[in-house]
Amino acid sequence: MNKEDGQRNMGKQIDKEEIPFYFKIYKSLREEIEDGIYKVGDLLPSEVELGERFGASRTTIRNALGELEKEGLVSRKRGKGTIVQEPKTTQNLNYISSFTETLKEKGIEVTTGSLTVELITAPSKIASLLNLENDEKVYLVQRTRIANDIPIAFVSNYLLARVIPGLEFKKEILRREGLYQLLEREYGLQLHRAVETIEAYSSGPLESDLLQIPQRIPLFHTVRVTYLEDETPFEVVISVIRADKYEYKVYLEGRPHRGKEVF
């Protein structure tokens, strides 16, 4: 073995040894959950049983279960144990994606509950966000989005009507596919950028009725303004989303440029 091969093999050995034991256990359990060995609602073996199986301390097992909990794959409840949860859908915030596209990319079956498409005069708040004047019209598309038979979001899209004439006649297409796919194929539109504001709150009577959930369930309230390639504000999306079934992931890189620090 030459010197270069020896260094390469040594590097592989170091990398292998640097993987924490709890992370190996976490990966093993995650694979078993993804393979359906443990299904949604099942109890995982106790910490003692897992410790015996993997030859690990309870602290190591707890760290592994903690990683599963961070991903929303399990919940740990005192007196009950560790329960397998339905995984959350994650939307990355570094590109524009519709709610339907995000869900389908995860292999989740998406259907539409209630659906309305109306041509209306833009409300004052929407007109301000879209820079509209003289009572210009918008299409209001409102839908309940259902993921694997569970109502997960109520979405209201306000769209610049002059750019997409005849949208009301494409209602049945909207039942089958995402709005952004329809806009790209039917109207040749390219969405350039978007600014989205996300807030958290608890469900009240209205949300309870829309999503068929108890009150005080955690929700996301999001407002997105989407722009076309020529920087025309084209769409305002207001969404109410179940936070126990959905999450956002933000991609960050680097540090902002700053001037010389003053001491």
C-alpha atoms as a PDB file:
ATOM      1  CA  MET A   1       0.000   0.000   0.000  1.00  0.00           C
ATOM      2  CA  ASN A   2       1.479   3.382  -0.969  1.00  0.00           C
ATOM      3  CA  LYS A   3       1.431   6.486   1.200  1.00  0.00           C
ATOM      4  CA  GLU A   4      -1.522   8.062  -0.640  1.00  0.00           C
ATOM      5  CA  ASP A   5      -3.707   4.945  -0.253  1.00  0.00           C
ATOM      6  CA  GLY A   6      -2.790   4.757   3.408  1.00  0.00           C
ATOM      7  CA  GLN A   7      -3.839   8.346   4.027  1.00  0.00           C
ATOM      8  CA  ARG A   8      -7.101   7.823   2.150  1.00  0.00           C
ATOM      9  CA  ASN A   9      -7.978   4.693   4.141  1.00  0.00           C
ATOM     10  CA  MET A  10      -7.059   6.437   7.371  1.00  0.00           C
ATOM     11  CA  GLY A  11      -9.373   9.317   6.451  1.00  0.00           C
ATOM     12  CA  LYS A  12     -12.238   6.875   5.824  1.00  0.00           C
ATOM     13  CA  GLN A  13     -11.602   5.229   9.186  1.00  0.00           C
ATOM     14  CA  ILE A  14     -11.614   8.564  10.998  1.00  0.00           C
ATOM     15  CA  ASP A  15     -14.846   9.641   9.249  1.00  0.00           C
ATOM     16  CA  LYS A  16     -16.492   6.366  10.244  1.00  0.00           C
ATOM     17  CA  GLU A  17     -15.403   6.714  13.849  1.00  0.00           C
ATOM     18  CA  GLU A  18     -16.620  10.317  14.015  1.00  0.00           C
ATOM     19  CA  ILE A  19     -20.274   9.324  13.422  1.00  0.00           C
ATOM     20  CA  PRO A  20     -21.892   9.436  16.890  1.00  0.00           C
ATOM     21  CA  PHE A  21     -23.455   6.174  18.040  1.00  0.00           C
ATOM     22  CA  TYR A  22     -26.795   7.832  18.758  1.00  0.00           C
ATOM     23  CA  PHE A  23     -26.917   9.027  15.135  1.00  0.00           C
ATOM     24  CA  LYS A  24     -26.451   5.474  13.861  1.00  0.00           C
ATOM     25  CA  ILE A  25     -29.355   4.351  16.059  1.00  0.00           C
ATOM     26  CA  TYR A  26     -31.460   7.285  14.853  1.00  0.00           C
ATOM     27  CA  LYS A  27     -30.797   6.334  11.201  1.00  0.00           C
ATOM     28  CA  SER A  28     -31.677   2.703  11.862  1.00  0.00           C
ATOM     29  CA  LEU A  29     -34.969   3.603  13.553  1.00  0.00           C
ATOM     30  CA  ARG A  30     -35.810   6.155  10.884  1.00  0.00           C
ATOM     31  CA  GLU A  31     -35.333   3.555   8.141  1.00  0.00           C
ATOM     32  CA  GLU A  32     -37.634   1.171  10.001  1.00  0.00           C
ATOM     33  CA  ILE A  33     -40.305   3.867  10.264  1.00  0.00           C
ATOM     34  CA  GLU A  34     -39.947   4.745   6.555  1.00  0.00           C
ATOM     35  CA  ASP A  35     -40.111   1.053   5.616  1.00  0.00           C
ATOM     36  CA  GLY A  36     -43.372   0.645   7.555  1.00  0.00           C
ATOM     37  CA  ILE A  37     -41.998  -1.648  10.255  1.00  0.00           C
ATOM     38  CA  TYR A  38     -43.343   0.936  12.686  1.00  0.00           C
ATOM     39  CA  LYS A  39     -46.507   2.615  11.396  1.00  0.00           C
ATOM     40  CA  VAL A  40     -48.220   5.867  12.348  1.00  0.00           C
ATOM     41  CA  GLY A  41     -49.694   5.453  15.828  1.00  0.00           C
ATOM     42  CA  ASP A  42     -47.393   2.566  16.802  1.00  0.00           C
ATOM     43  CA  LEU A  43     -45.338   2.665  19.979  1.00  0.00           C
ATOM     44  CA  LEU A  44     -41.601   2.240  19.583  1.00  0.00           C
ATOM     45  CA  PRO A  45     -39.932  -0.161  22.019  1.00  0.00           C
ATOM     46  CA  SER A  46     -39.098   1.361  25.402  1.00  0.00           C
ATOM     47  CA  GLU A  47     -35.759   3.059  26.065  1.00  0.00           C
ATOM     48  CA  VAL A  48     -34.675  -0.003  28.051  1.00  0.00           C
ATOM     49  CA  GLU A  49     -35.605  -2.365  25.183  1.00  0.00           C
ATOM     50  CA  LEU A  50     -33.859  -0.188  22.612  1.00  0.00           C
ATOM     51  CA  GLY A  51     -30.806   0.030  24.852  1.00  0.00           C
ATOM     52  CA  GLU A  52     -30.629  -3.758  25.040  1.00  0.00           C
ATOM     53  CA  ARG A  53     -31.129  -4.096  21.300  1.00  0.00           C
ATOM     54  CA  PHE A  54     -28.397  -1.632  20.331  1.00  0.00           C
ATOM     55  CA  GLY A  55     -26.128  -2.138  23.329  1.00  0.00           C
ATOM     56  CA  ALA A  56     -26.429   1.547  24.213  1.00  0.00           C
ATOM     57  CA  SER A  57     -26.989   3.657  27.312  1.00  0.00           C
ATOM     58  CA  ARG A  58     -30.353   5.332  27.970  1.00  0.00           C
ATOM     59  CA  THR A  59     -28.731   8.716  27.292  1.00  0.00           C
ATOM     60  CA  THR A  60     -27.644   7.540  23.839  1.00  0.00           C
ATOM     61  CA  ILE A  61     -31.120   6.167  23.122  1.00  0.00           C
ATOM     62  CA  ARG A  62     -32.737   9.421  24.265  1.00  0.00           C
ATOM     63  CA  ASN A  63     -30.482  11.400  21.937  1.00  0.00           C
ATOM     64  CA  ALA A  64     -31.486   9.142  19.029  1.00  0.00           C
ATOM     65  CA  LEU A  65     -35.178   9.523  19.843  1.00  0.00           C
ATOM     66  CA  GLY A  66     -34.655  13.266  20.167  1.00  0.00           C
ATOM     67  CA  GLU A  67     -33.443  13.389  16.549  1.00  0.00           C
ATOM     68  CA  LEU A  68     -36.537  11.509  15.410  1.00  0.00           C
ATOM     69  CA  GLU A  69     -38.686  13.942  17.379  1.00  0.00           C
ATOM     70  CA  LYS A  70     -36.985  16.961  15.784  1.00  0.00           C
ATOM     71  CA  GLU A  71     -37.998  15.636  12.370  1.00  0.00           C
ATOM     72  CA  GLY A  72     -41.586  15.137  13.494  1.00  0.00           C
ATOM     73  CA  LEU A  73     -41.380  11.379  13.023  1.00  0.00           C
ATOM     74  CA  VAL A  74     -42.243  10.590  16.647  1.00  0.00           C
ATOM     75  CA  SER A  75     -43.659  12.265  19.722  1.00  0.00           C
ATOM     76  CA  ARG A  76     -42.608  11.354  23.241  1.00  0.00           C
ATOM     77  CA  LYS A  77     -45.294  11.466  25.916  1.00  0.00           C
ATOM     78  CA  ARG A  78     -44.697  10.870  29.583  1.00  0.00           C
ATOM     79  CA  GLY A  79     -46.440   7.717  30.757  1.00  0.00           C
ATOM     80  CA  LYS A  80     -47.170   6.558  27.187  1.00  0.00           C
ATOM     81  CA  GLY A  81     -43.824   6.209  25.436  1.00  0.00           C
ATOM     82  CA  THR A  82     -42.622   7.146  21.959  1.00  0.00           C
ATOM     83  CA  ILE A  83     -45.369   7.236  19.327  1.00  0.00           C
ATOM     84  CA  VAL A  84     -44.784   7.242  15.566  1.00  0.00           C
ATOM     85  CA  GLN A  85     -46.255  10.375  13.994  1.00  0.00           C
ATOM     86  CA  GLU A  86     -47.326  11.173  10.460  1.00  0.00           C
ATOM     87  CA  PRO A  87     -44.299  13.092   9.110  1.00  0.00           C
ATOM     88  CA  LYS A  88     -44.671  16.779   8.378  1.00  0.00           C
ATOM     89  CA  THR A  89     -44.394  18.103   4.868  1.00  0.00           C
ATOM     90  CA  THR A  90     -41.452  20.495   4.537  1.00  0.00           C
ATOM     91  CA  GLN A  91     -41.428  23.449   2.166  1.00  0.00           C
ATOM     92  CA  ASN A  92     -38.026  24.912   1.352  1.00  0.00           C
ATOM     93  CA  LEU A  93     -38.107  28.696   1.268  1.00  0.00           C
ATOM     94  CA  ASN A  94     -35.369  29.169  -1.307  1.00  0.00           C
ATOM     95  CA  TYR A  95     -37.639  28.649  -4.341  1.00  0.00           C
ATOM     96  CA  ILE A  96     -41.238  29.326  -5.365  1.00  0.00           C
ATOM     97  CA  SER A  97     -43.463  26.296  -4.964  1.00  0.00           C
ATOM     98  CA  SER A  98     -47.200  25.880  -4.708  1.00  0.00           C
ATOM     99  CA  PHE A  99     -48.744  24.046  -1.794  1.00  0.00           C
ATOM    100  CA  THR A 100     -49.796  21.174  -4.059  1.00  0.00           C
ATOM    101  CA  GLU A 101     -46.346  20.832  -5.638  1.00  0.00           C
ATOM    102  CA  THR A 102     -44.680  20.671  -2.233  1.00  0.00           C
ATOM    103  CA  LEU A 103     -46.995  17.911  -1.042  1.00  0.00           C
ATOM    104  CA  LYS A 104     -46.810  15.839  -4.233  1.00  0.00           C
ATOM    105  CA  GLU A 105     -43.002  15.960  -4.216  1.00  0.00           C
ATOM    106  CA  LYS A 106     -43.197  14.102  -0.884  1.00  0.00           C
ATOM    107  CA  GLY A 107     -45.408  11.413  -2.398  1.00  0.00           C
ATOM    108  CA  ILE A 108     -48.519  12.694  -0.620  1.00  0.00           C
ATOM    109  CA  GLU A 109     -51.905  12.349  -2.323  1.00  0.00           C
ATOM    110  CA  VAL A 110     -53.445  15.810  -2.691  1.00  0.00           C
ATOM    111  CA  THR A 111     -57.116  16.458  -3.336  1.00  0.00           C
ATOM    112  CA  THR A 112     -59.324  19.534  -3.287  1.00  0.00           C
ATOM    113  CA  GLY A 113     -62.217  19.999  -0.927  1.00  0.00           C
ATOM    114  CA  SER A 114     -64.236  23.172  -1.356  1.00  0.00           C
ATOM    115  CA  LEU A 115     -63.276  25.251  -4.418  1.00  0.00           C
ATOM    116  CA  THR A 116     -64.525  28.644  -5.599  1.00  0.00           C
ATOM    117  CA  VAL A 117     -63.283  30.868  -8.451  1.00  0.00           C
ATOM    118  CA  GLU A 118     -64.700  34.403  -8.526  1.00  0.00           C
ATOM    119  CA  LEU A 119     -63.973  37.592 -10.449  1.00  0.00           C
ATOM    120  CA  ILE A 120     -64.119  40.386  -7.859  1.00  0.00           C
ATOM    121  CA  THR A 121     -63.003  43.935  -7.230  1.00  0.00           C
ATOM    122  CA  ALA A 122     -59.771  43.741  -5.272  1.00  0.00           C
ATOM    123  CA  PRO A 123     -60.215  44.486  -1.538  1.00  0.00           C
ATOM    124  CA  SER A 124     -58.221  47.525  -0.425  1.00  0.00           C
ATOM    125  CA  LYS A 125     -55.433  45.520   1.245  1.00  0.00           C
ATOM    126  CA  ILE A 126     -54.996  43.314  -1.828  1.00  0.00           C
ATOM    127  CA  ALA A 127     -55.143  46.315  -4.180  1.00  0.00           C
ATOM    128  CA  SER A 128     -52.366  47.958  -2.160  1.00  0.00           C
ATOM    129  CA  LEU A 129     -50.128  44.866  -2.289  1.00  0.00           C
ATOM    130  CA  LEU A 130     -50.684  44.494  -6.060  1.00  0.00           C
ATOM    131  CA  ASN A 131     -50.360  48.256  -6.780  1.00  0.00           C
ATOM    132  CA  LEU A 132     -53.838  48.344  -8.340  1.00  0.00           C
ATOM    133  CA  GLU A 133     -55.937  51.408  -9.114  1.00  0.00           C
ATOM    134  CA  ASN A 134     -59.466  52.239 -10.298  1.00  0.00           C
ATOM    135  CA  ASP A 135     -61.213  49.206  -8.809  1.00  0.00           C
ATOM    136  CA  GLU A 136     -59.267  46.750 -10.979  1.00  0.00           C
ATOM    137  CA  LYS A 137     -60.508  43.158 -10.926  1.00  0.00           C
ATOM    138  CA  VAL A 138     -58.785  40.102  -9.501  1.00  0.00           C
ATOM    139  CA  TYR A 139     -59.654  36.442  -9.503  1.00  0.00           C
ATOM    140  CA  LEU A 140     -60.196  35.019  -6.031  1.00  0.00           C
ATOM    141  CA  VAL A 141     -59.462  31.289  -5.916  1.00  0.00           C
ATOM    142  CA  GLN A 142     -60.256  29.639  -2.580  1.00  0.00           C
ATOM    143  CA  ARG A 143     -59.594  25.972  -1.872  1.00  0.00           C
ATOM    144  CA  THR A 144     -59.355  23.506   0.952  1.00  0.00           C
ATOM    145  CA  ARG A 145     -56.293  21.339   0.363  1.00  0.00           C
ATOM    146  CA  ILE A 146     -56.565  17.760   1.587  1.00  0.00           C
ATOM    147  CA  ALA A 147     -53.456  15.620   2.124  1.00  0.00           C
ATOM    148  CA  ASN A 148     -53.959  11.867   2.504  1.00  0.00           C
ATOM    149  CA  ASP A 149     -57.631  12.470   3.371  1.00  0.00           C
ATOM    150  CA  ILE A 150     -56.798  15.096   6.056  1.00  0.00           C
ATOM    151  CA  PRO A 151     -57.753  18.801   5.511  1.00  0.00           C
ATOM    152  CA  ILE A 152     -54.415  20.542   5.977  1.00  0.00           C
ATOM    153  CA  ALA A 153     -54.806  24.061   4.568  1.00  0.00           C
ATOM    154  CA  PHE A 154     -57.258  26.682   3.372  1.00  0.00           C
ATOM    155  CA  VAL A 155     -55.725  28.811   0.616  1.00  0.00           C
ATOM    156  CA  SER A 156     -56.947  32.088  -0.905  1.00  0.00           C
ATOM    157  CA  ASN A 157     -55.219  33.283  -4.102  1.00  0.00           C
ATOM    158  CA  TYR A 158     -55.879  36.811  -5.403  1.00  0.00           C
ATOM    159  CA  LEU A 159     -54.644  36.925  -9.031  1.00  0.00           C
ATOM    160  CA  LEU A 160     -54.359  39.813 -11.477  1.00  0.00           C
ATOM    161  CA  ALA A 161     -57.356  39.150 -13.745  1.00  0.00           C
ATOM    162  CA  ARG A 162     -56.117  41.022 -16.844  1.00  0.00           C
ATOM    163  CA  VAL A 163     -53.160  38.625 -17.098  1.00  0.00           C
ATOM    164  CA  ILE A 164     -55.208  35.401 -16.931  1.00  0.00           C
ATOM    165  CA  PRO A 165     -58.550  35.925 -18.718  1.00  0.00           C
ATOM    166  CA  GLY A 166     -61.091  33.123 -18.480  1.00  0.00           C
ATOM    167  CA  LEU A 167     -59.704  31.526 -15.332  1.00  0.00           C
ATOM    168  CA  GLU A 168     -63.237  30.834 -14.113  1.00  0.00           C
ATOM    169  CA  PHE A 169     -63.625  28.303 -16.941  1.00  0.00           C
ATOM    170  CA  LYS A 170     -60.642  26.276 -15.733  1.00  0.00           C
ATOM    171  CA  LYS A 171     -62.123  25.302 -12.393  1.00  0.00           C
ATOM    172  CA  GLU A 172     -62.084  21.580 -13.090  1.00  0.00           C
ATOM    173  CA  ILE A 173     -58.397  21.711 -14.004  1.00  0.00           C
ATOM    174  CA  LEU A 174     -57.721  23.340 -10.633  1.00  0.00           C
ATOM    175  CA  ARG A 175     -59.341  20.377  -8.930  1.00  0.00           C
ATOM    176  CA  ARG A 176     -56.746  18.070 -10.450  1.00  0.00           C
ATOM    177  CA  GLU A 177     -53.479  20.014 -10.343  1.00  0.00           C
ATOM    178  CA  GLY A 178     -51.590  22.893  -8.774  1.00  0.00           C
ATOM    179  CA  LEU A 179     -52.413  26.494  -9.649  1.00  0.00           C
ATOM    180  CA  TYR A 180     -48.840  27.331 -10.644  1.00  0.00           C
ATOM    181  CA  GLN A 181     -48.723  24.428 -13.089  1.00  0.00           C
ATOM    182  CA  LEU A 182     -51.933  25.699 -14.684  1.00  0.00           C
ATOM    183  CA  LEU A 183     -50.572  29.252 -14.955  1.00  0.00           C
ATOM    184  CA  GLU A 184     -47.387  28.042 -16.634  1.00  0.00           C
ATOM    185  CA  ARG A 185     -49.075  25.692 -19.100  1.00  0.00           C
ATOM    186  CA  GLU A 186     -52.283  27.560 -19.933  1.00  0.00           C
ATOM    187  CA  TYR A 187     -50.996  31.153 -19.817  1.00  0.00           C
ATOM    188  CA  GLY A 188     -47.252  30.788 -20.326  1.00  0.00           C
ATOM    189  CA  LEU A 189     -46.495  32.727 -17.135  1.00  0.00           C
ATOM    190  CA  GLN A 190     -43.152  32.548 -15.352  1.00  0.00           C
ATOM    191  CA  LEU A 191     -43.156  33.407 -11.659  1.00  0.00           C
ATOM    192  CA  HIS A 192     -39.949  35.288 -10.936  1.00  0.00           C
ATOM    193  CA  ARG A 193     -39.826  35.910  -7.190  1.00  0.00           C
ATOM    194  CA  ALA A 194     -42.016  36.086  -4.104  1.00  0.00           C
ATOM    195  CA  VAL A 195     -41.989  37.637  -0.641  1.00  0.00           C
ATOM    196  CA  GLU A 196     -43.703  35.601   2.064  1.00  0.00           C
ATOM    197  CA  THR A 197     -44.599  36.531   5.638  1.00  0.00           C
ATOM    198  CA  ILE A 198     -45.250  33.691   8.086  1.00  0.00           C
ATOM    199  CA  GLU A 199     -46.920  34.002  11.479  1.00  0.00           C
ATOM    200  CA  ALA A 200     -48.018  31.387  14.002  1.00  0.00           C
ATOM    201  CA  TYR A 201     -51.288  31.371  15.916  1.00  0.00           C
ATOM    202  CA  SER A 202     -53.935  29.008  17.306  1.00  0.00           C
ATOM    203  CA  SER A 203     -57.106  27.940  15.535  1.00  0.00           C
ATOM    204  CA  GLY A 204     -60.384  29.605  16.429  1.00  0.00           C
ATOM    205  CA  PRO A 205     -63.990  28.861  15.434  1.00  0.00           C
ATOM    206  CA  LEU A 206     -63.490  29.834  11.768  1.00  0.00           C
ATOM    207  CA  GLU A 207     -60.372  27.708  11.271  1.00  0.00           C
ATOM    208  CA  SER A 208     -61.969  24.878  13.220  1.00  0.00           C
ATOM    209  CA  ASP A 209     -64.829  24.851  10.724  1.00  0.00           C
ATOM    210  CA  LEU A 210     -62.645  25.246   7.604  1.00  0.00           C
ATOM    211  CA  LEU A 211     -60.151  22.520   8.508  1.00  0.00           C
ATOM    212  CA  GLN A 212     -62.385  20.279  10.659  1.00  0.00           C
ATOM    213  CA  ILE A 213     -60.062  20.554  13.673  1.00  0.00           C
ATOM    214  CA  PRO A 214     -60.490  21.394  17.355  1.00  0.00           C
ATOM    215  CA  GLN A 215     -59.823  24.939  18.496  1.00  0.00           C
ATOM    216  CA  ARG A 216     -56.343  25.936  19.729  1.00  0.00           C
ATOM    217  CA  ILE A 217     -54.492  23.747  17.218  1.00  0.00           C
ATOM    218  CA  PRO A 218     -51.226  25.464  16.087  1.00  0.00           C
ATOM    219  CA  LEU A 219     -51.485  27.060  12.639  1.00  0.00           C
ATOM    220  CA  PHE A 220     -49.371  29.025  10.192  1.00  0.00           C
ATOM    221  CA  HIS A 221     -50.845  32.181   8.680  1.00  0.00           C
ATOM    222  CA  THR A 222     -48.889  33.114   5.550  1.00  0.00           C
ATOM    223  CA  VAL A 223     -49.138  36.024   3.123  1.00  0.00           C
ATOM    224  CA  ARG A 224     -47.175  35.758  -0.129  1.00  0.00           C
ATOM    225  CA  VAL A 225     -46.815  38.375  -2.864  1.00  0.00           C
ATOM    226  CA  THR A 226     -45.613  36.849  -6.148  1.00  0.00           C
ATOM    227  CA  TYR A 227     -44.011  38.810  -8.995  1.00  0.00           C
ATOM    228  CA  LEU A 228     -43.706  38.120 -12.714  1.00  0.00           C
ATOM    229  CA  GLU A 229     -40.469  38.402 -14.689  1.00  0.00           C
ATOM    230  CA  ASP A 230     -41.127  42.096 -15.453  1.00  0.00           C
ATOM    231  CA  GLU A 231     -41.556  42.702 -11.678  1.00  0.00           C
ATOM    232  CA  THR A 232     -45.337  43.112 -11.968  1.00  0.00           C
ATOM    233  CA  PRO A 233     -47.001  42.119  -8.663  1.00  0.00           C
ATOM    234  CA  PHE A 234     -49.266  39.347  -9.888  1.00  0.00           C
ATOM    235  CA  GLU A 235     -50.600  37.403  -6.922  1.00  0.00           C
ATOM    236  CA  VAL A 236     -51.347  37.586  -3.224  1.00  0.00           C
ATOM    237  CA  VAL A 237     -51.726  34.241  -1.468  1.00  0.00           C
ATOM    238  CA  ILE A 238     -53.188  34.031   2.014  1.00  0.00           C
ATOM    239  CA  SER A 239     -52.942  30.570   3.567  1.00  0.00           C
ATOM    240  CA  VAL A 240     -54.018  28.990   6.823  1.00  0.00           C
ATOM    241  CA  ILE A 241     -51.991  25.804   7.338  1.00  0.00           C
ATOM    242  CA  ARG A 242     -51.901  23.184  10.080  1.00  0.00           C
ATOM    243  CA  ALA A 243     -48.519  23.541  11.793  1.00  0.00           C
ATOM    244  CA  ASP A 244     -48.704  19.994  13.149  1.00  0.00           C
ATOM    245  CA  LYS A 245     -48.737  18.681   9.548  1.00  0.00           C
ATOM    246  CA  TYR A 246     -46.496  21.161   7.749  1.00  0.00           C
ATOM    247  CA  GLU A 247     -43.223  22.986   8.289  1.00  0.00           C
ATOM    248  CA  TYR A 248     -40.947  25.476   6.559  1.00  0.00           C
ATOM    249  CA  LYS A 249     -37.206  25.119   6.051  1.00  0.00           C
ATOM    250  CA  VAL A 250     -35.082  28.207   5.413  1.00  0.00           C
ATOM    251  CA  TYR A 251     -31.779  27.913   3.530  1.00  0.00           C
ATOM    252  CA  LEU A 252     -29.114  30.285   4.852  1.00  0.00           C
ATOM    253  CA  GLU A 253     -25.605  30.849   3.544  1.00  0.00           C
ATOM    254  CA  GLY A 254     -22.847  33.268   4.493  1.00  0.00           C
ATOM    255  CA  ARG A 255     -22.941  36.480   6.483  1.00  0.00           C
ATOM    256  CA  PRO A 256     -24.172  39.898   5.320  1.00  0.00           C
ATOM    257  CA  HIS A 257     -21.544  42.387   4.239  1.00  0.00           C
ATOM    258  CA  ARG A 258     -20.933  44.926   6.964  1.00  0.00           C
ATOM    259  CA  GLY A 259     -18.904  48.063   7.112  1.00  0.00           C
ATOM    260  CA  LYS A 260     -15.970  48.550   9.420  1.00  0.00           C
ATOM    261  CA  GLU A 261     -17.009  47.931  13.003  1.00  0.00           C
ATOM    262  CA  VAL A 262     -16.811  50.836  15.406  1.00  0.00           C
ATOM    263  CA  PHE A 263     -15.544  50.062  18.916  1.00  0.00           C
END
